[in-house]
PDB file of N, CA and C in Angstrom:
ATOM      1  N   MET A   1     123.062 118.904  92.602  1.00  0.00           N
ATOM      2  CA  MET A   1     123.395 118.876  94.020  1.00  0.00           C
ATOM      3  C   MET A   1     124.792 118.313  94.250  1.00  0.00           C
ATOM      4  N   GLN A   2     125.151 117.244  93.528  1.00  0.00           N
ATOM      5  CA  GLN A   2     126.467 116.646  93.707  1.00  0.00           C
ATOM      6  C   GLN A   2     127.572 117.644  93.339  1.00  0.00           C
ATOM      7  N   HIS A   3     127.344 118.427  92.318  1.00  0.00           N
ATOM      8  CA  HIS A   3     128.318 119.440  91.903  1.00  0.00           C
ATOM      9  C   HIS A   3     128.587 120.433  93.039  1.00  0.00           C
ATOM     10  N   ARG A   4     127.542 120.808  93.762  1.00  0.00           N
ATOM     11  CA  ARG A   4     127.695 121.750  94.873  1.00  0.00           C
ATOM     12  C   ARG A   4     128.560 121.154  95.982  1.00  0.00           C
ATOM     13  N   HIS A   5     128.371 119.859  96.266  1.00  0.00           N
ATOM     14  CA  HIS A   5     129.166 119.194  97.297  1.00  0.00           C
ATOM     15  C   HIS A   5     130.631 119.112  96.874  1.00  0.00           C
ATOM     16  N   LEU A   6     130.862 118.807  95.598  1.00  0.00           N
ATOM     17  CA  LEU A   6     132.230 118.732  95.091  1.00  0.00           C
ATOM     18  C   LEU A   6     132.902 120.099  95.137  1.00  0.00           C
ATOM     19  N   THR A   7     132.169 121.128  94.792  1.00  0.00           N
ATOM     20  CA  THR A   7     132.710 122.489  94.861  1.00  0.00           C
ATOM     21  C   THR A   7     133.073 122.848  96.293  1.00  0.00           C
ATOM     22  N   ARG A   8     132.209 122.524  97.235  1.00  0.00           N
ATOM     23  CA  ARG A   8     132.474 122.819  98.653  1.00  0.00           C
ATOM     24  C   ARG A   8     133.688 122.035  99.143  1.00  0.00           C
ATOM     25  N   PHE A   9     133.777 120.752  98.773  1.00  0.00           N
ATOM     26  CA  PHE A   9     134.924 119.932  99.148  1.00  0.00           C
ATOM     27  C   PHE A   9     136.219 120.550  98.620  1.00  0.00           C
ATOM     28  N   ASN A  10     136.226 120.965  97.362  1.00  0.00           N
ATOM     29  CA  ASN A  10     137.418 121.573  96.772  1.00  0.00           C
ATOM     30  C   ASN A  10     137.797 122.867  97.485  1.00  0.00           C
ATOM     31  N   GLU A  11     136.815 123.657  97.880  1.00  0.00           N
ATOM     32  CA  GLU A  11     137.091 124.892  98.628  1.00  0.00           C
ATOM     33  C   GLU A  11     137.746 124.573  99.976  1.00  0.00           C
ATOM     34  N   LEU A  12     137.203 123.582 100.679  1.00  0.00           N
ATOM     35  CA  LEU A  12     137.766 123.209 101.985  1.00  0.00           C
ATOM     36  C   LEU A  12     139.158 122.619 101.838  1.00  0.00           C
ATOM     37  N   LEU A  13     139.362 121.814 100.818  1.00  0.00           N
ATOM     38  CA  LEU A  13     140.677 121.229 100.575  1.00  0.00           C
ATOM     39  C   LEU A  13     141.705 122.314 100.263  1.00  0.00           C
ATOM     40  N   ALA A  14     141.348 123.266  99.427  1.00  0.00           N
ATOM     41  CA  ALA A  14     142.255 124.360  99.091  1.00  0.00           C
ATOM     42  C   ALA A  14     142.613 125.170 100.332  1.00  0.00           C
ATOM     43  N   LYS A  15     141.643 125.406 101.191  1.00  0.00           N
ATOM     44  CA  LYS A  15     141.902 126.160 102.426  1.00  0.00           C
ATOM     45  C   LYS A  15     142.843 125.379 103.344  1.00  0.00           C
ATOM     46  N   ALA A  16     142.612 124.076 103.477  1.00  0.00           N
ATOM     47  CA  ALA A  16     143.456 123.250 104.338  1.00  0.00           C
ATOM     48  C   ALA A  16     144.895 123.220 103.832  1.00  0.00           C
ATOM     49  N   VAL A  17     145.073 123.081 102.537  1.00  0.00           N
ATOM     50  CA  VAL A  17     146.419 123.055 101.958  1.00  0.00           C
ATOM     51  C   VAL A  17     147.094 124.410 102.128  1.00  0.00           C
ATOM     52  N   ALA A  18     146.368 125.492 101.936  1.00  0.00           N
ATOM     53  CA  ALA A  18     146.944 126.832 102.100  1.00  0.00           C
ATOM     54  C   ALA A  18     147.394 127.062 103.542  1.00  0.00           C
ATOM     55  N   GLU A  19     146.668 126.507 104.501  1.00  0.00           N
ATOM     56  CA  GLU A  19     147.021 126.690 105.915  1.00  0.00           C
ATOM     57  C   GLU A  19     148.263 125.901 106.312  1.00  0.00           C
ATOM     58  N   LEU A  20     148.667 124.927 105.505  1.00  0.00           N
ATOM     59  CA  LEU A  20     149.885 124.164 105.803  1.00  0.00           C
ATOM     60  C   LEU A  20     151.126 125.044 105.709  1.00  0.00           C
ATOM     61  N   ASP A  21     151.013 126.119 104.969  1.00  0.00           N
ATOM     62  CA  ASP A  21     152.154 126.994 104.732  1.00  0.00           C
ATOM     63  C   ASP A  21     152.135 128.227 105.632  1.00  0.00           C
ATOM     64  N   THR A  22     151.497 128.132 106.781  1.00  0.00           N
ATOM     65  CA  THR A  22     151.458 129.245 107.722  1.00  0.00           C
ATOM     66  C   THR A  22     152.222 128.879 108.987  1.00  0.00           C
ATOM     67  N   PRO A  23     152.686 129.853 109.751  1.00  0.00           N
ATOM     68  CA  PRO A  23     153.427 129.562 110.983  1.00  0.00           C
ATOM     69  C   PRO A  23     152.632 128.752 112.007  1.00  0.00           C
ATOM     70  N   ARG A  24     151.286 128.828 111.995  1.00  0.00           N
ATOM     71  CA  ARG A  24     150.518 128.077 112.985  1.00  0.00           C
ATOM     72  C   ARG A  24     150.263 126.634 112.588  1.00  0.00           C
ATOM     73  N   SER A  25     150.736 126.238 111.423  1.00  0.00           N
ATOM     74  CA  SER A  25     150.547 124.864 110.974  1.00  0.00           C
ATOM     75  C   SER A  25     151.296 123.899 111.880  1.00  0.00           C
ATOM     76  N   ILE A  26     150.679 122.733 112.143  1.00  0.00           N
ATOM     77  CA  ILE A  26     151.346 121.730 112.975  1.00  0.00           C
ATOM     78  C   ILE A  26     152.292 120.861 112.152  1.00  0.00           C
ATOM     79  N   LEU A  27     152.295 121.055 110.840  1.00  0.00           N
ATOM     80  CA  LEU A  27     153.192 120.306 109.967  1.00  0.00           C
ATOM     81  C   LEU A  27     154.295 121.207 109.450  1.00  0.00           C
ATOM     82  N   LEU A  28     155.450 120.639 109.237  1.00  0.00           N
ATOM     83  CA  LEU A  28     156.570 121.367 108.657  1.00  0.00           C
ATOM     84  C   LEU A  28     156.731 120.900 107.222  1.00  0.00           C
ATOM     85  N   LEU A  29     156.602 121.808 106.280  1.00  0.00           N
ATOM     86  CA  LEU A  29     156.791 121.467 104.881  1.00  0.00           C
ATOM     87  C   LEU A  29     158.259 121.625 104.534  1.00  0.00           C
ATOM     88  N   ALA A  30     158.820 120.642 103.874  1.00  0.00           N
ATOM     89  CA  ALA A  30     160.236 120.691 103.509  1.00  0.00           C
ATOM     90  C   ALA A  30     160.423 120.080 102.131  1.00  0.00           C
ATOM     91  N   SER A  31     161.487 120.479 101.481  1.00  0.00           N
ATOM     92  CA  SER A  31     161.819 119.916 100.174  1.00  0.00           C
ATOM     93  C   SER A  31     162.540 118.586 100.355  1.00  0.00           C
ATOM     94  N   ARG A  32     162.399 117.723  99.385  1.00  0.00           N
ATOM     95  CA  ARG A  32     163.109 116.442  99.406  1.00  0.00           C
ATOM     96  C   ARG A  32     164.559 116.691  99.014  1.00  0.00           C
ATOM     97  N   ARG A  33     165.483 116.152  99.773  1.00  0.00           N
ATOM     98  CA  ARG A  33     166.898 116.373  99.459  1.00  0.00           C
ATOM     99  C   ARG A  33     167.333 115.492  98.296  1.00  0.00           C
ATOM    100  N   ALA A  34     168.344 115.922  97.599  1.00  0.00           N
ATOM    101  CA  ALA A  34     168.870 115.163  96.464  1.00  0.00           C
ATOM    102  C   ALA A  34     169.361 113.803  96.945  1.00  0.00           C
ATOM    103  N   GLY A  35     169.054 112.770  96.215  1.00  0.00           N
ATOM    104  CA  GLY A  35     169.491 111.432  96.562  1.00  0.00           C
ATOM    105  C   GLY A  35     168.615 110.706  97.562  1.00  0.00           C
ATOM    106  N   TRP A  36     167.565 111.351  98.046  1.00  0.00           N
ATOM    107  CA  TRP A  36     166.676 110.723  99.030  1.00  0.00           C
ATOM    108  C   TRP A  36     165.909 109.589  98.369  1.00  0.00           C
ATOM    109  N   ASP A  37     165.827 108.452  99.046  1.00  0.00           N
ATOM    110  CA  ASP A  37     165.129 107.281  98.531  1.00  0.00           C
ATOM    111  C   ASP A  37     164.097 106.821  99.547  1.00  0.00           C
ATOM    112  N   LEU A  38     162.861 106.696  99.136  1.00  0.00           N
ATOM    113  CA  LEU A  38     161.772 106.328 100.041  1.00  0.00           C
ATOM    114  C   LEU A  38     162.056 105.015 100.757  1.00  0.00           C
ATOM    115  N   HIS A  39     162.551 104.032 100.062  1.00  0.00           N
ATOM    116  CA  HIS A  39     162.756 102.709 100.651  1.00  0.00           C
ATOM    117  C   HIS A  39     164.005 102.637 101.519  1.00  0.00           C
ATOM    118  N   ARG A  40     165.028 103.365 101.183  1.00  0.00           N
ATOM    119  CA  ARG A  40     166.271 103.324 101.954  1.00  0.00           C
ATOM    120  C   ARG A  40     166.256 104.275 103.144  1.00  0.00           C
ATOM    121  N   ASP A  41     165.622 105.411 103.019  1.00  0.00           N
ATOM    122  CA  ASP A  41     165.740 106.476 104.016  1.00  0.00           C
ATOM    123  C   ASP A  41     164.565 106.597 104.975  1.00  0.00           C
ATOM    124  N   THR A  42     163.639 105.653 104.940  1.00  0.00           N
ATOM    125  CA  THR A  42     162.520 105.702 105.899  1.00  0.00           C
ATOM    126  C   THR A  42     162.463 104.433 106.707  1.00  0.00           C
TER     127      THR A  42
END
């Protein structure tokens, strides 16, 4: 039974991640620019 839940979770996660790359996504995916530093630039 646990395996079935994990499989379903993975399916939903894959679908959610795939939808991030569509025009209707509320998030904008972008590449990190060269020289970007998490501590300095945020």
